[in-house]
Each structure stands twice: as C-alpha cells, then as structure tokens.
Protein backbone atom coordinates (compact mmCIF):
# COMPACT_ATOMS: atom_id res chain seq x y z
CA MET A 1 0.39 14.23 -14.13
CA ARG A 2 -2.36 11.84 -12.96
CA ALA A 3 -2.87 11.69 -9.19
CA LEU A 4 -3.72 8.24 -7.79
CA VAL A 5 -5.41 9.04 -4.48
CA ASP A 6 -5.83 6.75 -1.47
CA ALA A 7 -9.52 7.39 -0.85
CA ASP A 8 -9.58 4.90 2.05
CA ILE A 9 -7.38 7.20 4.10
CA VAL A 10 -8.96 10.46 2.89
CA ALA A 11 -12.43 9.24 3.92
CA PHE A 12 -11.38 7.60 7.17
CA SER A 13 -9.21 10.45 8.44
CA CYS A 14 -11.76 13.16 7.66
CA ALA A 15 -14.57 11.15 9.23
CA ALA A 16 -12.52 10.34 12.32
CA TYR A 17 -11.46 13.96 12.87
CA ASN A 18 -15.05 15.16 12.66
CA ASN A 19 -16.79 12.58 14.86
CA GLU A 20 -18.09 15.39 17.07
CA TYR A 21 -18.61 18.05 14.41
CA GLY A 22 -21.14 16.46 12.08
CA TRP A 23 -21.49 15.44 8.47
CA ASP A 24 -21.10 18.90 6.98
CA ALA A 25 -17.66 19.15 8.57
CA VAL A 26 -16.69 15.78 7.08
CA VAL A 27 -17.68 16.92 3.59
CA ARG A 28 -15.83 20.21 4.00
CA ASP A 29 -12.62 18.48 5.10
CA ILE A 30 -12.76 15.85 2.35
CA ASP A 31 -13.18 18.52 -0.31
CA ASP A 32 -10.45 20.69 1.21
CA LEU A 33 -8.01 17.77 1.42
CA MET A 34 -8.73 16.56 -2.10
CA ASN A 35 -8.28 20.05 -3.54
CA ARG A 36 -5.02 20.46 -1.61
CA ILE A 37 -3.68 17.13 -2.91
CA LEU A 38 -4.55 17.95 -6.52
CA ASN A 39 -3.25 21.51 -6.33
CA THR A 40 0.00 20.55 -4.59
CA THR A 41 0.79 17.75 -7.04
CA ARG A 42 -0.32 19.95 -9.97
CA ALA A 43 -2.33 17.02 -11.26
CA ASP A 44 -4.23 17.53 -14.51
CA SER A 45 -6.27 14.38 -13.85
CA TYR A 46 -6.88 12.03 -10.96
CA GLN A 47 -8.39 8.73 -9.87
CA CYS A 48 -9.38 7.84 -6.32
CA PHE A 49 -9.41 4.24 -5.08
CA ILE A 50 -11.36 2.73 -2.22
CA THR A 51 -11.34 -0.84 -0.85
CA GLY A 52 -14.45 -2.92 -1.48
CA ASP A 53 -15.98 -5.75 0.52
CA ASN A 54 -14.46 -8.78 -1.25
CA ASN A 55 -10.88 -8.64 -0.01
CA LYS A 56 -9.24 -11.97 -0.87
CA ARG A 57 -6.61 -11.45 1.82
CA TYR A 58 -9.22 -12.59 4.34
CA GLU A 59 -9.39 -15.89 2.46
CA ILE A 60 -5.62 -16.22 2.65
CA ASP A 61 -5.66 -15.56 6.41
CA PRO A 62 -8.94 -15.09 8.34
CA GLU A 63 -6.93 -13.29 11.05
CA TYR A 64 -5.81 -10.58 8.64
CA LYS A 65 -6.56 -7.22 10.33
CA ALA A 66 -8.37 -9.12 13.10
CA ASN A 67 -6.80 -6.75 15.62
CA ARG A 68 -9.06 -3.98 14.24
CA LYS A 69 -12.37 -5.77 14.82
CA ASP A 70 -13.00 -4.29 18.25
CA LYS A 71 -12.13 -0.74 17.25
CA ILE A 72 -15.10 1.58 16.88
CA PRO A 73 -15.10 3.12 13.39
CA PRO A 74 -15.76 6.82 12.85
CA VAL A 75 -19.44 7.77 13.00
CA PHE A 76 -19.56 8.87 9.36
CA ARG A 77 -17.15 6.35 7.87
CA ALA A 78 -19.67 4.67 5.53
CA GLU A 79 -21.04 8.03 4.41
CA ALA A 80 -17.53 9.35 3.81
CA ASN A 81 -16.69 6.32 1.65
CA ALA A 82 -19.90 6.82 -0.34
CA TYR A 83 -19.13 10.51 -0.79
CA MET A 84 -15.71 9.67 -2.20
CA VAL A 85 -17.52 7.55 -4.81
CA THR A 86 -20.33 9.95 -5.69
CA LYS A 87 -18.46 13.28 -5.52
CA TRP A 88 -14.87 12.31 -6.32
CA GLY A 89 -15.47 9.26 -8.53
CA ALA A 90 -13.58 6.79 -6.35
CA ARG A 91 -13.21 3.37 -7.94
CA VAL A 92 -14.20 0.54 -5.58
CA SER A 93 -11.83 -2.42 -5.73
CA ASP A 94 -13.09 -5.97 -6.15
CA GLY A 95 -11.11 -8.78 -4.54
CA ASN A 96 -8.11 -6.71 -3.51
CA GLU A 97 -7.41 -3.39 -1.80
CA ALA A 98 -7.15 0.23 -2.85
CA ASP A 99 -3.38 -0.12 -2.35
CA ASP A 100 -3.29 -2.79 -5.05
CA GLU A 101 -5.27 -0.64 -7.47
CA MET A 102 -2.85 2.25 -6.97
CA GLY A 103 0.09 -0.13 -7.38
CA ILE A 104 -1.33 -1.59 -10.59
CA ASN A 105 -2.16 1.78 -12.09
CA GLN A 106 1.23 3.31 -11.34
CA SER A 107 3.18 0.22 -12.43
CA GLN A 108 1.30 -0.09 -15.72
CA ALA A 109 1.39 3.61 -16.62
CA GLU A 110 4.12 5.33 -18.60
CA PRO A 111 6.97 6.23 -16.23
CA LEU A 112 6.53 9.48 -14.29
CA THR A 113 3.02 10.15 -15.61
CA THR A 114 1.34 9.24 -12.31
CA ILE A 115 1.85 9.99 -8.63
CA ILE A 116 0.56 7.92 -5.71
CA CYS A 117 -0.97 10.17 -3.06
CA SER A 118 -1.16 8.54 0.36
CA ILE A 119 0.28 8.62 3.86
CA ASP A 120 0.62 4.81 3.88
CA LYS A 121 4.31 3.83 4.00
CA ASP A 122 3.51 0.39 2.51
CA LEU A 123 2.86 1.97 -0.88
CA LYS A 124 6.56 2.76 -1.13
CA GLN A 125 6.83 -0.79 -2.50
CA ILE A 126 5.70 0.76 -5.78
CA ALA A 127 8.29 2.43 -7.98
CA GLY A 128 7.70 5.97 -9.16
CA ARG A 129 6.46 9.25 -7.74
CA HIS A 130 4.80 9.53 -4.33
CA TYR A 131 3.20 12.36 -2.35
CA ASN A 132 2.52 12.24 1.40
CA TRP A 133 -0.01 14.98 2.21
CA ARG A 134 0.47 14.72 5.97
CA ARG A 135 4.16 15.55 5.65
CA ASP A 136 3.70 17.60 2.47
CA GLU A 137 6.52 15.48 1.11
CA PHE A 138 7.35 14.24 -2.39
CA ASP A 139 9.45 11.14 -2.98
CA MET A 140 10.74 9.06 -5.88
CA VAL A 141 10.94 5.31 -5.29
CA ASP A 142 13.46 3.18 -7.16
CA PRO A 143 12.27 -0.37 -8.10
CA LEU A 144 15.05 -1.99 -6.05
CA ASP A 145 14.20 0.11 -2.99
CA GLY A 146 10.57 -0.93 -3.39
CA LEU A 147 11.61 -4.59 -3.30
CA ARG A 148 13.82 -3.97 -0.29
CA LEU A 149 10.86 -2.46 1.57
CA PHE A 150 8.77 -5.56 0.88
CA TYR A 151 11.46 -7.94 2.13
CA ARG A 152 12.04 -5.81 5.23
CA GLN A 153 8.30 -5.97 5.88
CA LEU A 154 8.42 -9.76 5.62
CA LEU A 155 10.96 -9.71 8.44
CA THR A 156 9.23 -7.14 10.66
CA GLY A 157 5.63 -8.01 9.87
CA ASP A 158 2.93 -5.35 10.03
CA THR A 159 1.24 -5.09 13.41
CA SER A 160 -1.43 -2.73 12.07
CA ASP A 161 -2.61 -5.53 9.74
CA ASN A 162 -2.02 -8.35 12.25
CA VAL A 163 0.78 -9.85 10.16
CA HIS A 164 3.56 -11.25 12.32
CA GLY A 165 7.12 -11.37 11.04
CA ILE A 166 10.20 -12.80 12.76
CA ARG A 167 10.28 -12.39 16.53
CA GLY A 168 12.99 -9.99 17.63
CA ILE A 169 13.44 -8.32 14.23
CA GLY A 170 12.39 -4.68 14.04
CA PRO A 171 13.02 -2.07 11.33
CA VAL A 172 16.67 -1.47 12.26
CA LYS A 173 17.66 -5.13 12.26
CA ALA A 174 15.64 -5.80 9.11
CA GLY A 175 17.55 -3.01 7.39
CA LYS A 176 20.86 -4.60 8.37
CA TYR A 177 19.78 -7.82 6.64
CA ILE A 178 18.31 -6.25 3.48
CA ASN A 179 19.43 -2.68 2.77
CA ASP A 180 22.71 -3.50 1.06
CA VAL A 181 21.43 -6.48 -0.93
CA GLU A 182 21.32 -5.85 -4.68
CA ASP A 183 19.58 -9.00 -5.90
CA GLU A 184 16.02 -10.11 -5.15
CA TRP A 185 16.95 -13.80 -4.99
CA ASP A 186 19.52 -13.02 -2.32
CA MET A 187 16.88 -11.07 -0.34
CA PHE A 188 14.53 -14.02 -0.63
CA GLU A 189 17.11 -16.53 0.56
CA ILE A 190 17.92 -14.38 3.61
CA VAL A 191 14.25 -14.07 4.55
CA GLN A 192 13.47 -17.72 3.82
CA ALA A 193 16.28 -18.89 6.09
CA LEU A 194 15.13 -16.65 8.94
CA TYR A 195 11.51 -17.83 8.65
CA ASN A 196 12.37 -21.53 8.36
CA ASP A 197 8.66 -22.01 7.56
CA ASP A 198 7.78 -21.74 3.86
CA GLU A 199 4.03 -21.97 4.41
CA ARG A 200 3.97 -18.99 6.78
CA LEU A 201 6.40 -17.06 4.57
CA LEU A 202 4.20 -17.53 1.51
CA ARG A 203 1.08 -16.53 3.44
CA ASN A 204 2.70 -13.38 4.80
CA GLY A 205 4.07 -12.52 1.39
CA LYS A 206 0.60 -12.64 -0.16
CA LEU A 207 -0.76 -10.45 2.64
CA LEU A 208 2.00 -7.83 2.45
CA TRP A 209 2.68 -7.67 -1.30
CA ILE A 210 1.12 -4.74 -3.20
CA MET A 211 0.15 -5.74 -6.72
CA LYS A 212 1.80 -4.33 -9.83
CA LYS A 213 -0.58 -5.98 -12.30
CA ASP A 214 -3.95 -7.74 -12.10
CA ASN A 215 -3.99 -10.84 -9.88
CA ASP A 216 -0.33 -10.33 -9.06
CA TRP A 217 -0.40 -12.38 -5.85
CA TRP A 218 3.11 -12.92 -4.54
CA GLU A 219 4.82 -16.24 -5.16
CA PHE A 220 8.32 -17.40 -4.27
CA PRO A 221 10.66 -15.88 -6.88
CA LYS A 222 12.51 -18.14 -9.27
CA GLU A 223 16.24 -17.52 -9.21
CA THR A 224 16.80 -17.70 -12.96
CA GLU A 225 13.91 -15.32 -13.73
CA VAL A 226 14.98 -12.83 -11.07
CA ARG A 227 18.58 -12.71 -12.25
CA LEU A 228 17.51 -12.48 -15.92
CA ASP A 229 15.17 -9.56 -15.15
CA GLN A 230 17.97 -7.81 -13.29
CA ALA A 231 20.39 -8.32 -16.18
CA ILE A 232 17.86 -6.88 -18.65
CA GLN A 233 17.28 -3.81 -16.45
CA GLU A 234 21.03 -3.20 -16.21
C-alpha cells in the first residue's frame, strides 16, 4: 500500500500548534504524525505532496482564497514546508495544488494500491481508499459518490477557498438535489439550471475540481460521453 500524504496540512498543522514552543517541537510533531500515518495505514511506501507557488487557480480567479490574505501564518510555516521536502521527500506541485497531485496519483494507480491521507474533505472527490488521521478513520469512496461531492460543492461553494455557490443552498439542501442522482449529466443539468450563469459555473468548477490526470481542468460534461462512460462501467 502506497500512502499519498497531504504534506500541506501536516506542515501547517504542526507549525500552527507549536507557534509558542519552537522549531524543535515542530520537527518532533511532524515526525510523530508522519510515522503515525504510515504505521496506521501499514504503508510499505509513501509520497508526500506540497503545493508550490505557481497555482493556476489564481489565474482563473484572482479572488481565489483571497479571504486568507489577512490571516497571519504560523511562525514556522515556511520551515515546516521545507522540512517536509528535505526530510520526507515531499514533491512540490507546479501549476496546481497538492490535492491535484494526490488525485492524479490515486486515479492513475492500480485500484486499491494507494491511500490518500488527509483531513481535507474535498479529497473525497477521488475514488479509492482514504485515511483521515484526525478522526483515525478509514473510508472507501465510490466514483459516483466522488462526483456527487463535486456537484454538491458547486451548489454550496467553499467558503474556506472564497468560492461562492448558490445563495441559500447549504449542505443539506445540496444533498436533496444531488444525492439520489445516478447520472453525471443529470447532476450537471440540475446545477446549471440553479446557477443560470454558465461563466460563473465554469469558473467555480475549475476552482473546485480535483484533477484525476495531468491538466484535467474541469469542463462542462458532454451528455453523450458521460452516458457512454456510465454504460461501459455498468
């Protein structure tokens, strides 16, 4: 089993927790957390991923994550990121985010040979095994459920990333629209009608979509292709 580890969150959380305790405490907690993740998942190999500087989502929408600009980062955040690279071999993404790299690696691997390790709920868009170290919880995501999560996110938006969905639609209402839908084209038509603004829908889709292959930026699905893919899978 190959563990695909969200180094962004490992570094940030350990740095944030140890703002007052110093660099040695950051290193200790990173090493402890990484060893716990690898031991708990029984991984025989691993790859960590960390987001680089050239995130194309900022080109798609300059206001992406703008709500974070005034937040003071942890004192040792940059050092923690560097430590994930030098000690734990984290791969720095170029043009996308660590989430995308984990999505690509799990989607392109042989089924059930990898496990995404993160506490980020957005990664549940990706089919396959998942481990949440905060909850000490394993999960298996079905491809259809991964798609449903994405379309629910289009409706709700993601306030943590400054992506605004449809006013008045929260997780419960989004679930009522999407949870029982079996076909991606039907999900798309529901969401498209509620947006009534294709330009904003496409922009949000590109911001929220987690890649499954290189340069897999979201586009409006084509009905014939979606239904053909579903028929093949069945």
